[in-house]
């Protein structure tokens, strides 16, 4: 099997579309009243599926994490260490919830975490040190 993409089951589609489009820069063309967002981001399928629509399709109910949760993360990479810091500052200024400020880890990655409006973790990181 080949990994094709990642789906996120969302409660408030309009809020999530605005955040991913306006704050993170995803090229989402669907309107905010859609029930399903389907896009390719950097070669990976990424989709939002309304929780109620998914439950109707499968004929069953599911439990969903509430608040900031650690069920999974979406990992985004940026060009270099400085870009990690700049991106964190920009996203948190636009409403992204800060979880962990930019930190250089022992394995050589500069990374930080924010949460989207539904509490899903988003990592922003780079392994490329800045040019001196």
C-alpha atoms as a PDB file:
ATOM      1  CA  UNK A   1       0.000   0.000   0.000  1.00  0.00           C
ATOM      2  CA  UNK A   2       1.060   3.551  -0.701  1.00  0.00           C
ATOM      3  CA  UNK A   3       0.255   6.491   1.592  1.00  0.00           C
ATOM      4  CA  UNK A   4      -1.976   8.799  -0.389  1.00  0.00           C
ATOM      5  CA  UNK A   5      -2.982  11.473   2.058  1.00  0.00           C
ATOM      6  CA  UNK A   6      -4.283  12.653   5.397  1.00  0.00           C
ATOM      7  CA  UNK A   7      -7.852  13.479   6.357  1.00  0.00           C
ATOM      8  CA  UNK A   8      -9.069  15.578   9.266  1.00  0.00           C
ATOM      9  CA  UNK A   9     -12.634  15.181  10.535  1.00  0.00           C
ATOM     10  CA  UNK A  10     -13.828  18.663  11.411  1.00  0.00           C
ATOM     11  CA  UNK A  11     -16.628  20.056  13.522  1.00  0.00           C
ATOM     12  CA  UNK A  12     -16.694  23.656  12.227  1.00  0.00           C
ATOM     13  CA  UNK A  13     -15.809  23.593   8.534  1.00  0.00           C
ATOM     14  CA  UNK A  14     -15.982  27.362   7.972  1.00  0.00           C
ATOM     15  CA  UNK A  15     -13.579  28.146  10.812  1.00  0.00           C
ATOM     16  CA  UNK A  16     -11.142  25.443   9.751  1.00  0.00           C
ATOM     17  CA  UNK A  17     -11.203  26.544   6.106  1.00  0.00           C
ATOM     18  CA  UNK A  18     -10.508  30.159   7.101  1.00  0.00           C
ATOM     19  CA  UNK A  19      -7.623  29.152   9.391  1.00  0.00           C
ATOM     20  CA  UNK A  20      -5.904  26.820   6.930  1.00  0.00           C
ATOM     21  CA  UNK A  21      -6.451  29.190   4.003  1.00  0.00           C
ATOM     22  CA  UNK A  22      -5.840  32.593   5.614  1.00  0.00           C
ATOM     23  CA  UNK A  23      -3.385  31.749   8.390  1.00  0.00           C
ATOM     24  CA  UNK A  24      -1.458  28.746   7.022  1.00  0.00           C
ATOM     25  CA  UNK A  25      -1.739  29.633   3.325  1.00  0.00           C
ATOM     26  CA  UNK A  26      -3.328  26.416   2.037  1.00  0.00           C
ATOM     27  CA  UNK A  27      -4.891  26.895  -1.385  1.00  0.00           C
ATOM     28  CA  UNK A  28      -8.449  25.971  -0.434  1.00  0.00           C
ATOM     29  CA  UNK A  29     -10.902  27.033  -3.118  1.00  0.00           C
ATOM     30  CA  UNK A  30     -14.068  25.540  -1.637  1.00  0.00           C
ATOM     31  CA  UNK A  31     -16.581  27.851   0.011  1.00  0.00           C
ATOM     32  CA  UNK A  32     -16.928  27.854   3.773  1.00  0.00           C
ATOM     33  CA  UNK A  33     -20.286  26.045   3.634  1.00  0.00           C
ATOM     34  CA  UNK A  34     -18.852  22.973   1.914  1.00  0.00           C
ATOM     35  CA  UNK A  35     -18.888  19.570   3.585  1.00  0.00           C
ATOM     36  CA  UNK A  36     -15.658  18.250   2.099  1.00  0.00           C
ATOM     37  CA  UNK A  37     -12.340  19.919   1.249  1.00  0.00           C
ATOM     38  CA  UNK A  38     -10.092  17.929  -1.040  1.00  0.00           C
ATOM     39  CA  UNK A  39      -6.737  19.328  -2.088  1.00  0.00           C
ATOM     40  CA  UNK A  40      -3.204  18.314  -2.844  1.00  0.00           C
ATOM     41  CA  UNK A  41      -0.575  20.064  -0.753  1.00  0.00           C
ATOM     42  CA  UNK A  42       3.046  19.515  -1.766  1.00  0.00           C
ATOM     43  CA  UNK A  43       2.256  16.152  -3.329  1.00  0.00           C
ATOM     44  CA  UNK A  44       0.121  14.854  -0.456  1.00  0.00           C
ATOM     45  CA  UNK A  45      -3.647  14.581  -0.489  1.00  0.00           C
ATOM     46  CA  UNK A  46      -5.104  16.657   2.326  1.00  0.00           C
ATOM     47  CA  UNK A  47      -8.786  16.721   3.116  1.00  0.00           C
ATOM     48  CA  UNK A  48     -11.314  17.992   5.600  1.00  0.00           C
ATOM     49  CA  UNK A  49     -14.425  15.904   6.047  1.00  0.00           C
ATOM     50  CA  UNK A  50     -17.343  17.137   8.140  1.00  0.00           C
ATOM     51  CA  UNK A  51     -17.836  14.862  11.137  1.00  0.00           C
ATOM     52  CA  UNK A  52     -21.609  14.649  10.657  1.00  0.00           C
ATOM     53  CA  UNK A  53     -21.205  13.825   6.967  1.00  0.00           C
ATOM     54  CA  UNK A  54     -18.677  11.095   7.734  1.00  0.00           C
ATOM     55  CA  UNK A  55     -20.948   9.593  10.363  1.00  0.00           C
ATOM     56  CA  UNK A  56     -23.904   9.669   7.944  1.00  0.00           C
ATOM     57  CA  UNK A  57     -21.790   7.990   5.257  1.00  0.00           C
ATOM     58  CA  UNK A  58     -20.556   5.213   7.554  1.00  0.00           C
ATOM     59  CA  UNK A  59     -23.801   4.796   9.482  1.00  0.00           C
ATOM     60  CA  UNK A  60     -22.127   5.040  12.873  1.00  0.00           C
ATOM     61  CA  UNK A  61     -21.016   7.559  15.485  1.00  0.00           C
ATOM     62  CA  UNK A  62     -17.435   8.230  16.532  1.00  0.00           C
ATOM     63  CA  UNK A  63     -15.714   9.812  19.517  1.00  0.00           C
ATOM     64  CA  UNK A  64     -13.651  12.919  18.883  1.00  0.00           C
ATOM     65  CA  UNK A  65     -10.955  14.546  20.993  1.00  0.00           C
ATOM     66  CA  UNK A  66     -11.925  17.838  22.589  1.00  0.00           C
ATOM     67  CA  UNK A  67      -9.664  20.855  23.124  1.00  0.00           C
ATOM     68  CA  UNK A  68      -5.956  20.712  22.317  1.00  0.00           C
ATOM     69  CA  UNK A  69      -5.215  17.064  21.659  1.00  0.00           C
ATOM     70  CA  UNK A  70      -2.292  14.847  20.885  1.00  0.00           C
ATOM     71  CA  UNK A  71      -3.933  12.265  18.644  1.00  0.00           C
ATOM     72  CA  UNK A  72      -1.788  13.278  15.680  1.00  0.00           C
ATOM     73  CA  UNK A  73       0.156  16.173  14.252  1.00  0.00           C
ATOM     74  CA  UNK A  74       0.390  17.801  10.887  1.00  0.00           C
ATOM     75  CA  UNK A  75       4.066  18.500  10.174  1.00  0.00           C
ATOM     76  CA  UNK A  76       5.021  21.434   7.956  1.00  0.00           C
ATOM     77  CA  UNK A  77       8.568  22.268   6.969  1.00  0.00           C
ATOM     78  CA  UNK A  78      10.059  25.677   6.267  1.00  0.00           C
ATOM     79  CA  UNK A  79      13.341  26.719   4.680  1.00  0.00           C
ATOM     80  CA  UNK A  80      15.555  27.297   7.729  1.00  0.00           C
ATOM     81  CA  UNK A  81      15.771  28.035  11.458  1.00  0.00           C
ATOM     82  CA  UNK A  82      14.986  31.752  11.039  1.00  0.00           C
ATOM     83  CA  UNK A  83      11.890  30.847   9.044  1.00  0.00           C
ATOM     84  CA  UNK A  84      10.667  28.627  11.909  1.00  0.00           C
ATOM     85  CA  UNK A  85      10.829  31.621  14.251  1.00  0.00           C
ATOM     86  CA  UNK A  86       9.248  34.014  11.751  1.00  0.00           C
ATOM     87  CA  UNK A  87       6.444  31.604  10.847  1.00  0.00           C
ATOM     88  CA  UNK A  88       5.621  30.886  14.495  1.00  0.00           C
ATOM     89  CA  UNK A  89       5.391  34.609  15.243  1.00  0.00           C
ATOM     90  CA  UNK A  90       3.255  35.257  12.162  1.00  0.00           C
ATOM     91  CA  UNK A  91       0.828  32.401  12.797  1.00  0.00           C
ATOM     92  CA  UNK A  92       0.357  33.135  16.487  1.00  0.00           C
ATOM     93  CA  UNK A  93      -0.212  36.827  15.653  1.00  0.00           C
ATOM     94  CA  UNK A  94      -3.010  35.716  13.294  1.00  0.00           C
ATOM     95  CA  UNK A  95      -4.710  33.565  15.928  1.00  0.00           C
ATOM     96  CA  UNK A  96      -2.859  30.246  15.926  1.00  0.00           C
ATOM     97  CA  UNK A  97      -2.711  28.907  19.474  1.00  0.00           C
ATOM     98  CA  UNK A  98       0.929  28.664  20.624  1.00  0.00           C
ATOM     99  CA  UNK A  99       1.787  25.281  22.104  1.00  0.00           C
ATOM    100  CA  UNK A 100       5.604  25.233  22.060  1.00  0.00           C
ATOM    101  CA  UNK A 101       7.789  28.168  20.982  1.00  0.00           C
ATOM    102  CA  UNK A 102      10.635  27.625  18.519  1.00  0.00           C
ATOM    103  CA  UNK A 103      13.239  25.356  20.063  1.00  0.00           C
ATOM    104  CA  UNK A 104      16.373  23.737  18.665  1.00  0.00           C
ATOM    105  CA  UNK A 105      16.193  20.055  19.550  1.00  0.00           C
ATOM    106  CA  UNK A 106      19.173  17.771  20.303  1.00  0.00           C
ATOM    107  CA  UNK A 107      18.636  15.956  16.981  1.00  0.00           C
ATOM    108  CA  UNK A 108      19.361  19.174  15.067  1.00  0.00           C
ATOM    109  CA  UNK A 109      15.865  20.334  14.170  1.00  0.00           C
ATOM    110  CA  UNK A 110      14.426  23.733  15.036  1.00  0.00           C
ATOM    111  CA  UNK A 111      10.760  23.152  15.685  1.00  0.00           C
ATOM    112  CA  UNK A 112       7.653  24.672  17.231  1.00  0.00           C
ATOM    113  CA  UNK A 113       4.015  23.742  17.692  1.00  0.00           C
ATOM    114  CA  UNK A 114       0.719  25.543  17.339  1.00  0.00           C
ATOM    115  CA  UNK A 115      -2.854  24.263  17.476  1.00  0.00           C
ATOM    116  CA  UNK A 116      -5.543  24.873  14.899  1.00  0.00           C
ATOM    117  CA  UNK A 117      -9.049  26.044  15.968  1.00  0.00           C
ATOM    118  CA  UNK A 118     -10.141  22.486  16.760  1.00  0.00           C
ATOM    119  CA  UNK A 119      -7.052  21.665  18.825  1.00  0.00           C
ATOM    120  CA  UNK A 120      -5.102  19.630  16.263  1.00  0.00           C
ATOM    121  CA  UNK A 121      -1.340  20.002  16.642  1.00  0.00           C
ATOM    122  CA  UNK A 122       0.703  21.510  13.829  1.00  0.00           C
ATOM    123  CA  UNK A 123       4.484  21.275  13.865  1.00  0.00           C
ATOM    124  CA  UNK A 124       6.585  23.782  11.937  1.00  0.00           C
ATOM    125  CA  UNK A 125      10.226  22.864  11.624  1.00  0.00           C
ATOM    126  CA  UNK A 126      13.488  22.836   9.711  1.00  0.00           C
ATOM    127  CA  UNK A 127      16.793  20.985   9.824  1.00  0.00           C
ATOM    128  CA  UNK A 128      18.602  23.766   7.917  1.00  0.00           C
ATOM    129  CA  UNK A 129      20.628  26.188  10.028  1.00  0.00           C
ATOM    130  CA  UNK A 130      20.793  29.745   8.828  1.00  0.00           C
ATOM    131  CA  UNK A 131      23.726  30.963   6.775  1.00  0.00           C
ATOM    132  CA  UNK A 132      26.114  33.074   8.872  1.00  0.00           C
END
